[in-house]
PDB file of N, CA and C in Angstrom:
ATOM      1  N   MET A   1      54.623  34.782  12.129  1.00  0.00           N
ATOM      2  CA  MET A   1      53.969  33.614  12.678  1.00  0.00           C
ATOM      3  C   MET A   1      54.543  32.362  12.031  1.00  0.00           C
ATOM      4  N   LYS A   2      54.633  31.330  12.799  1.00  0.00           N
ATOM      5  CA  LYS A   2      55.059  30.036  12.274  1.00  0.00           C
ATOM      6  C   LYS A   2      53.809  29.204  11.999  1.00  0.00           C
ATOM      7  N   ILE A   3      53.741  28.637  10.803  1.00  0.00           N
ATOM      8  CA  ILE A   3      52.633  27.783  10.405  1.00  0.00           C
ATOM      9  C   ILE A   3      53.166  26.375  10.210  1.00  0.00           C
ATOM     10  N   THR A   4      52.482  25.408  10.787  1.00  0.00           N
ATOM     11  CA  THR A   4      52.811  24.008  10.579  1.00  0.00           C
ATOM     12  C   THR A   4      51.570  23.325  10.009  1.00  0.00           C
ATOM     13  N   VAL A   5      51.698  22.770   8.814  1.00  0.00           N
ATOM     14  CA  VAL A   5      50.596  22.085   8.144  1.00  0.00           C
ATOM     15  C   VAL A   5      50.883  20.592   8.162  1.00  0.00           C
ATOM     16  N   PHE A   6      49.897  19.821   8.608  1.00  0.00           N
ATOM     17  CA  PHE A   6      49.995  18.362   8.654  1.00  0.00           C
ATOM     18  C   PHE A   6      49.055  17.795   7.598  1.00  0.00           C
ATOM     19  N   VAL A   7      49.598  17.019   6.662  1.00  0.00           N
ATOM     20  CA  VAL A   7      48.813  16.421   5.585  1.00  0.00           C
ATOM     21  C   VAL A   7      48.882  14.912   5.745  1.00  0.00           C
ATOM     22  N   THR A   8      47.710  14.260   5.777  1.00  0.00           N
ATOM     23  CA  THR A   8      47.659  12.812   5.961  1.00  0.00           C
ATOM     24  C   THR A   8      46.652  12.202   4.981  1.00  0.00           C
ATOM     25  N   PRO A   9      46.845  10.935   4.639  1.00  0.00           N
ATOM     26  CA  PRO A   9      45.858  10.278   3.774  1.00  0.00           C
ATOM     27  C   PRO A   9      44.500  10.227   4.484  1.00  0.00           C
ATOM     28  N   LYS A  10      43.429  10.372   3.722  1.00  0.00           N
ATOM     29  CA  LYS A  10      42.089  10.233   4.293  1.00  0.00           C
ATOM     30  C   LYS A  10      41.933   8.820   4.850  1.00  0.00           C
ATOM     31  N   LYS A  11      41.068   8.689   5.825  1.00  0.00           N
ATOM     32  CA  LYS A  11      40.880   7.394   6.494  1.00  0.00           C
ATOM     33  C   LYS A  11      40.456   6.291   5.530  1.00  0.00           C
ATOM     34  N   ASN A  12      39.680   6.626   4.496  1.00  0.00           N
ATOM     35  CA  ASN A  12      39.185   5.601   3.580  1.00  0.00           C
ATOM     36  C   ASN A  12      40.116   5.349   2.392  1.00  0.00           C
ATOM     37  N   VAL A  13      41.312   5.964   2.395  1.00  0.00           N
ATOM     38  CA  VAL A  13      42.283   5.793   1.314  1.00  0.00           C
ATOM     39  C   VAL A  13      43.389   4.835   1.776  1.00  0.00           C
ATOM     40  N   LEU A  14      43.720   3.884   0.923  1.00  0.00           N
ATOM     41  CA  LEU A  14      44.806   2.964   1.260  1.00  0.00           C
ATOM     42  C   LEU A  14      46.113   3.744   1.420  1.00  0.00           C
ATOM     43  N   ASP A  15      46.908   3.331   2.387  1.00  0.00           N
ATOM     44  CA  ASP A  15      48.191   3.985   2.662  1.00  0.00           C
ATOM     45  C   ASP A  15      49.277   2.915   2.665  1.00  0.00           C
ATOM     46  N   PRO A  16      49.801   2.545   1.502  1.00  0.00           N
ATOM     47  CA  PRO A  16      50.807   1.481   1.459  1.00  0.00           C
ATOM     48  C   PRO A  16      52.068   1.822   2.238  1.00  0.00           C
ATOM     49  N   GLN A  17      52.451   3.091   2.249  1.00  0.00           N
ATOM     50  CA  GLN A  17      53.637   3.477   3.017  1.00  0.00           C
ATOM     51  C   GLN A  17      53.377   3.290   4.512  1.00  0.00           C
ATOM     52  N   GLY A  18      52.195   3.659   4.962  1.00  0.00           N
ATOM     53  CA  GLY A  18      51.833   3.446   6.370  1.00  0.00           C
ATOM     54  C   GLY A  18      51.812   1.972   6.717  1.00  0.00           C
ATOM     55  N   ALA A  19      51.287   1.154   5.796  1.00  0.00           N
ATOM     56  CA  ALA A  19      51.256  -0.292   6.031  1.00  0.00           C
ATOM     57  C   ALA A  19      52.672  -0.854   6.141  1.00  0.00           C
ATOM     58  N   ALA A  20      53.577  -0.390   5.278  1.00  0.00           N
ATOM     59  CA  ALA A  20      54.966  -0.861   5.319  1.00  0.00           C
ATOM     60  C   ALA A  20      55.644  -0.451   6.623  1.00  0.00           C
ATOM     61  N   VAL A  21      55.415   0.785   7.048  1.00  0.00           N
ATOM     62  CA  VAL A  21      56.004   1.250   8.310  1.00  0.00           C
ATOM     63  C   VAL A  21      55.421   0.458   9.482  1.00  0.00           C
ATOM     64  N   GLY A  22      54.115   0.223   9.453  1.00  0.00           N
ATOM     65  CA  GLY A  22      53.489  -0.574  10.513  1.00  0.00           C
ATOM     66  C   GLY A  22      54.065  -1.970  10.579  1.00  0.00           C
ATOM     67  N   HIS A  23      54.280  -2.589   9.419  1.00  0.00           N
ATOM     68  CA  HIS A  23      54.869  -3.929   9.378  1.00  0.00           C
ATOM     69  C   HIS A  23      56.290  -3.896   9.943  1.00  0.00           C
ATOM     70  N   ALA A  24      57.069  -2.899   9.569  1.00  0.00           N
ATOM     71  CA  ALA A  24      58.438  -2.780  10.086  1.00  0.00           C
ATOM     72  C   ALA A  24      58.428  -2.568  11.596  1.00  0.00           C
ATOM     73  N   MET A  25      57.489  -1.787  12.085  1.00  0.00           N
ATOM     74  CA  MET A  25      57.400  -1.567  13.539  1.00  0.00           C
ATOM     75  C   MET A  25      57.151  -2.888  14.268  1.00  0.00           C
ATOM     76  N   HIS A  26      56.219  -3.686  13.707  1.00  0.00           N
ATOM     77  CA  HIS A  26      55.947  -4.989  14.318  1.00  0.00           C
ATOM     78  C   HIS A  26      57.186  -5.879  14.274  1.00  0.00           C
ATOM     79  N   SER A  27      57.918  -5.842  13.147  1.00  0.00           N
ATOM     80  CA  SER A  27      59.134  -6.649  13.004  1.00  0.00           C
ATOM     81  C   SER A  27      60.194  -6.253  14.023  1.00  0.00           C
ATOM     82  N   LEU A  28      60.177  -4.986  14.431  1.00  0.00           N
ATOM     83  CA  LEU A  28      61.146  -4.494  15.415  1.00  0.00           C
ATOM     84  C   LEU A  28      60.654  -4.650  16.856  1.00  0.00           C
ATOM     85  N   GLY A  29      59.518  -5.336  17.021  1.00  0.00           N
ATOM     86  CA  GLY A  29      59.031  -5.621  18.361  1.00  0.00           C
ATOM     87  C   GLY A  29      58.041  -4.613  18.902  1.00  0.00           C
ATOM     88  N   PHE A  30      57.680  -3.611  18.118  1.00  0.00           N
ATOM     89  CA  PHE A  30      56.722  -2.608  18.573  1.00  0.00           C
ATOM     90  C   PHE A  30      55.338  -3.059  18.101  1.00  0.00           C
ATOM     91  N   THR A  31      54.876  -4.153  18.730  1.00  0.00           N
ATOM     92  CA  THR A  31      53.671  -4.840  18.249  1.00  0.00           C
ATOM     93  C   THR A  31      52.369  -4.142  18.626  1.00  0.00           C
ATOM     94  N   SER A  32      52.421  -3.142  19.472  1.00  0.00           N
ATOM     95  CA  SER A  32      51.182  -2.454  19.859  1.00  0.00           C
ATOM     96  C   SER A  32      50.766  -1.398  18.842  1.00  0.00           C
ATOM     97  N   ALA A  33      51.584  -1.142  17.829  1.00  0.00           N
ATOM     98  CA  ALA A  33      51.247  -0.139  16.814  1.00  0.00           C
ATOM     99  C   ALA A  33      50.133  -0.668  15.909  1.00  0.00           C
ATOM    100  N   ALA A  34      49.166   0.197  15.611  1.00  0.00           N
ATOM    101  CA  ALA A  34      48.059  -0.179  14.729  1.00  0.00           C
ATOM    102  C   ALA A  34      47.631   1.039  13.917  1.00  0.00           C
ATOM    103  N   ASN A  35      47.068   0.773  12.751  1.00  0.00           N
ATOM    104  CA  ASN A  35      46.536   1.841  11.895  1.00  0.00           C
ATOM    105  C   ASN A  35      47.567   2.936  11.626  1.00  0.00           C
ATOM    106  N   VAL A  36      48.768   2.535  11.255  1.00  0.00           N
ATOM    107  CA  VAL A  36      49.846   3.491  10.985  1.00  0.00           C
ATOM    108  C   VAL A  36      49.547   4.224   9.685  1.00  0.00           C
ATOM    109  N   ARG A  37      49.623   5.552   9.710  1.00  0.00           N
ATOM    110  CA  ARG A  37      49.417   6.392   8.542  1.00  0.00           C
ATOM    111  C   ARG A  37      50.646   7.281   8.383  1.00  0.00           C
ATOM    112  N   VAL A  38      51.136   7.427   7.171  1.00  0.00           N
ATOM    113  CA  VAL A  38      52.293   8.272   6.913  1.00  0.00           C
ATOM    114  C   VAL A  38      51.833   9.475   6.100  1.00  0.00           C
ATOM    115  N   GLY A  39      52.223  10.652   6.561  1.00  0.00           N
ATOM    116  CA  GLY A  39      51.854  11.878   5.866  1.00  0.00           C
ATOM    117  C   GLY A  39      53.068  12.770   5.696  1.00  0.00           C
ATOM    118  N   LYS A  40      52.795  14.055   5.597  1.00  0.00           N
ATOM    119  CA  LYS A  40      53.891  15.014   5.458  1.00  0.00           C
ATOM    120  C   LYS A  40      53.587  16.237   6.312  1.00  0.00           C
ATOM    121  N   THR A  41      54.648  16.939   6.667  1.00  0.00           N
ATOM    122  CA  THR A  41      54.546  18.164   7.443  1.00  0.00           C
ATOM    123  C   THR A  41      55.230  19.271   6.662  1.00  0.00           C
ATOM    124  N   VAL A  42      54.562  20.411   6.579  1.00  0.00           N
ATOM    125  CA  VAL A  42      55.119  21.573   5.909  1.00  0.00           C
ATOM    126  C   VAL A  42      55.155  22.712   6.922  1.00  0.00           C
ATOM    127  N   GLU A  43      56.332  23.296   7.133  1.00  0.00           N
ATOM    128  CA  GLU A  43      56.481  24.421   8.061  1.00  0.00           C
ATOM    129  C   GLU A  43      56.943  25.643   7.293  1.00  0.00           C
ATOM    130  N   PHE A  44      56.378  26.791   7.646  1.00  0.00           N
ATOM    131  CA  PHE A  44      56.829  28.045   7.060  1.00  0.00           C
ATOM    132  C   PHE A  44      56.452  29.198   7.977  1.00  0.00           C
ATOM    133  N   GLU A  45      57.049  30.327   7.718  1.00  0.00           N
ATOM    134  CA  GLU A  45      56.779  31.524   8.513  1.00  0.00           C
ATOM    135  C   GLU A  45      56.176  32.589   7.613  1.00  0.00           C
ATOM    136  N   VAL A  46      55.242  33.345   8.172  1.00  0.00           N
ATOM    137  CA  VAL A  46      54.613  34.453   7.464  1.00  0.00           C
ATOM    138  C   VAL A  46      54.507  35.644   8.410  1.00  0.00           C
ATOM    139  N   GLU A  47      54.427  36.807   7.827  1.00  0.00           N
ATOM    140  CA  GLU A  47      54.170  38.000   8.609  1.00  0.00           C
ATOM    141  C   GLU A  47      52.681  38.295   8.533  1.00  0.00           C
ATOM    142  N   GLY A  48      52.141  38.848   9.583  1.00  0.00           N
ATOM    143  CA  GLY A  48      50.733  39.199   9.591  1.00  0.00           C
ATOM    144  C   GLY A  48      50.058  38.761  10.873  1.00  0.00           C
ATOM    145  N   GLN A  49      48.750  38.879  10.865  1.00  0.00           N
ATOM    146  CA  GLN A  49      47.937  38.552  12.029  1.00  0.00           C
ATOM    147  C   GLN A  49      47.055  37.341  11.727  1.00  0.00           C
ATOM    148  N   ASP A  50      46.713  36.622  12.790  1.00  0.00           N
ATOM    149  CA  ASP A  50      45.797  35.490  12.679  1.00  0.00           C
ATOM    150  C   ASP A  50      44.370  36.045  12.664  1.00  0.00           C
ATOM    151  N   THR A  51      43.825  36.193  11.475  1.00  0.00           N
ATOM    152  CA  THR A  51      42.478  36.723  11.300  1.00  0.00           C
ATOM    153  C   THR A  51      41.639  35.705  10.533  1.00  0.00           C
ATOM    154  N   PRO A  52      40.331  35.856  10.514  1.00  0.00           N
ATOM    155  CA  PRO A  52      39.507  34.958   9.704  1.00  0.00           C
ATOM    156  C   PRO A  52      39.894  34.992   8.213  1.00  0.00           C
ATOM    157  N   GLU A  53      40.274  36.154   7.721  1.00  0.00           N
ATOM    158  CA  GLU A  53      40.696  36.260   6.324  1.00  0.00           C
ATOM    159  C   GLU A  53      41.993  35.496   6.089  1.00  0.00           C
ATOM    160  N   PHE A  54      42.923  35.603   7.046  1.00  0.00           N
ATOM    161  CA  PHE A  54      44.185  34.881   6.927  1.00  0.00           C
ATOM    162  C   PHE A  54      43.925  33.377   6.921  1.00  0.00           C
ATOM    163  N   ARG A  55      43.065  32.912   7.820  1.00  0.00           N
ATOM    164  CA  ARG A  55      42.757  31.472   7.873  1.00  0.00           C
ATOM    165  C   ARG A  55      42.088  31.000   6.585  1.00  0.00           C
ATOM    166  N   ALA A  56      41.248  31.834   5.997  1.00  0.00           N
ATOM    167  CA  ALA A  56      40.610  31.474   4.724  1.00  0.00           C
ATOM    168  C   ALA A  56      41.668  31.323   3.632  1.00  0.00           C
ATOM    169  N   SER A  57      42.640  32.233   3.602  1.00  0.00           N
ATOM    170  CA  SER A  57      43.699  32.123   2.589  1.00  0.00           C
ATOM    171  C   SER A  57      44.599  30.925   2.871  1.00  0.00           C
ATOM    172  N   LEU A  58      44.824  30.608   4.137  1.00  0.00           N
ATOM    173  CA  LEU A  58      45.622  29.433   4.496  1.00  0.00           C
ATOM    174  C   LEU A  58      44.888  28.151   4.107  1.00  0.00           C
ATOM    175  N   ASP A  59      43.582  28.113   4.340  1.00  0.00           N
ATOM    176  CA  ASP A  59      42.789  26.956   3.903  1.00  0.00           C
ATOM    177  C   ASP A  59      42.909  26.763   2.399  1.00  0.00           C
ATOM    178  N   LYS A  60      42.815  27.844   1.644  1.00  0.00           N
ATOM    179  CA  LYS A  60      42.919  27.762   0.178  1.00  0.00           C
ATOM    180  C   LYS A  60      44.300  27.259  -0.246  1.00  0.00           C
ATOM    181  N   LEU A  61      45.345  27.768   0.397  1.00  0.00           N
ATOM    182  CA  LEU A  61      46.702  27.304   0.103  1.00  0.00           C
ATOM    183  C   LEU A  61      46.822  25.803   0.352  1.00  0.00           C
ATOM    184  N   CYS A  62      46.301  25.353   1.478  1.00  0.00           N
ATOM    185  CA  CYS A  62      46.383  23.931   1.811  1.00  0.00           C
ATOM    186  C   CYS A  62      45.595  23.079   0.831  1.00  0.00           C
ATOM    187  N   GLN A  63      44.414  23.538   0.441  1.00  0.00           N
ATOM    188  CA  GLN A  63      43.578  22.778  -0.493  1.00  0.00           C
ATOM    189  C   GLN A  63      44.142  22.776  -1.912  1.00  0.00           C
ATOM    190  N   ASP A  64      44.673  23.920  -2.340  1.00  0.00           N
ATOM    191  CA  ASP A  64      45.103  24.051  -3.734  1.00  0.00           C
ATOM    192  C   ASP A  64      46.543  23.612  -3.997  1.00  0.00           C
ATOM    193  N   LEU A  65      47.397  23.672  -2.978  1.00  0.00           N
ATOM    194  CA  LEU A  65      48.816  23.395  -3.208  1.00  0.00           C
ATOM    195  C   LEU A  65      49.383  22.302  -2.312  1.00  0.00           C
ATOM    196  N   LEU A  66      49.133  22.391  -1.025  1.00  0.00           N
ATOM    197  CA  LEU A  66      49.847  21.521  -0.080  1.00  0.00           C
ATOM    198  C   LEU A  66      49.222  20.141   0.079  1.00  0.00           C
ATOM    199  N   SER A  67      47.977  19.974  -0.332  1.00  0.00           N
ATOM    200  CA  SER A  67      47.340  18.667  -0.207  1.00  0.00           C
ATOM    201  C   SER A  67      46.549  18.353  -1.468  1.00  0.00           C
ATOM    202  N   ASN A  68      46.200  17.105  -1.606  1.00  0.00           N
ATOM    203  CA  ASN A  68      45.290  16.666  -2.657  1.00  0.00           C
ATOM    204  C   ASN A  68      43.974  16.353  -1.957  1.00  0.00           C
ATOM    205  N   PRO A  69      42.982  17.253  -2.027  1.00  0.00           N
ATOM    206  CA  PRO A  69      41.762  17.074  -1.245  1.00  0.00           C
ATOM    207  C   PRO A  69      40.964  15.817  -1.588  1.00  0.00           C
ATOM    208  N   VAL A  70      41.254  15.182  -2.702  1.00  0.00           N
ATOM    209  CA  VAL A  70      40.557  13.946  -3.054  1.00  0.00           C
ATOM    210  C   VAL A  70      41.001  12.803  -2.141  1.00  0.00           C
ATOM    211  N   ILE A  71      42.293  12.774  -1.812  1.00  0.00           N
ATOM    212  CA  ILE A  71      42.813  11.634  -1.044  1.00  0.00           C
ATOM    213  C   ILE A  71      43.471  12.025   0.275  1.00  0.00           C
ATOM    214  N   GLU A  72      43.603  13.334   0.557  1.00  0.00           N
ATOM    215  CA  GLU A  72      44.312  13.759   1.766  1.00  0.00           C
ATOM    216  C   GLU A  72      43.481  14.746   2.587  1.00  0.00           C
ATOM    217  N   ASP A  73      43.695  14.692   3.887  1.00  0.00           N
ATOM    218  CA  ASP A  73      43.167  15.670   4.821  1.00  0.00           C
ATOM    219  C   ASP A  73      44.313  16.541   5.292  1.00  0.00           C
ATOM    220  N   PHE A  74      43.991  17.724   5.793  1.00  0.00           N
ATOM    221  CA  PHE A  74      45.031  18.573   6.360  1.00  0.00           C
ATOM    222  C   PHE A  74      44.494  19.253   7.611  1.00  0.00           C
ATOM    223  N   ARG A  75      45.419  19.629   8.429  1.00  0.00           N
ATOM    224  CA  ARG A  75      45.144  20.498   9.578  1.00  0.00           C
ATOM    225  C   ARG A  75      46.383  21.329   9.768  1.00  0.00           C
ATOM    226  N   TYR A  76      46.239  22.443  10.470  1.00  0.00           N
ATOM    227  CA  TYR A  76      47.417  23.280  10.689  1.00  0.00           C
ATOM    228  C   TYR A  76      47.410  23.867  12.082  1.00  0.00           C
ATOM    229  N   GLU A  77      48.591  24.250  12.500  1.00  0.00           N
ATOM    230  CA  GLU A  77      48.791  24.932  13.780  1.00  0.00           C
ATOM    231  C   GLU A  77      49.454  26.262  13.476  1.00  0.00           C
ATOM    232  N   ILE A  78      48.987  27.273  14.159  1.00  0.00           N
ATOM    233  CA  ILE A  78      49.556  28.603  13.999  1.00  0.00           C
ATOM    234  C   ILE A  78      50.246  28.964  15.307  1.00  0.00           C
ATOM    235  N   GLY A  79      51.560  29.249  15.228  1.00  0.00           N
ATOM    236  CA  GLY A  79      52.337  29.599  16.398  1.00  0.00           C
ATOM    237  C   GLY A  79      52.714  31.069  16.365  1.00  0.00           C
ATOM    238  N   ALA A  80      53.425  31.473  17.399  1.00  0.00           N
ATOM    239  CA  ALA A  80      53.840  32.881  17.498  1.00  0.00           C
ATOM    240  C   ALA A  80      54.961  33.207  16.557  1.00  0.00           C
TER     241      ALA A  80
END
């Protein structure tokens, strides 16, 4: 299975990188952009089945390693 994890700053956390990208977008004429947030994407492949136990272990991996739960949110997609 292919796993894609998306990690983004929480809504109430300042995102200076997002602000800089938003400013650059406006400077380049893309003035309709608002609330730009910059995060990271982690992709990997695993063997196994999509089960509740697997999702629990994936949640733990995301909370303990791939994100900082104090300042970041995560979501993931599981592909074939």
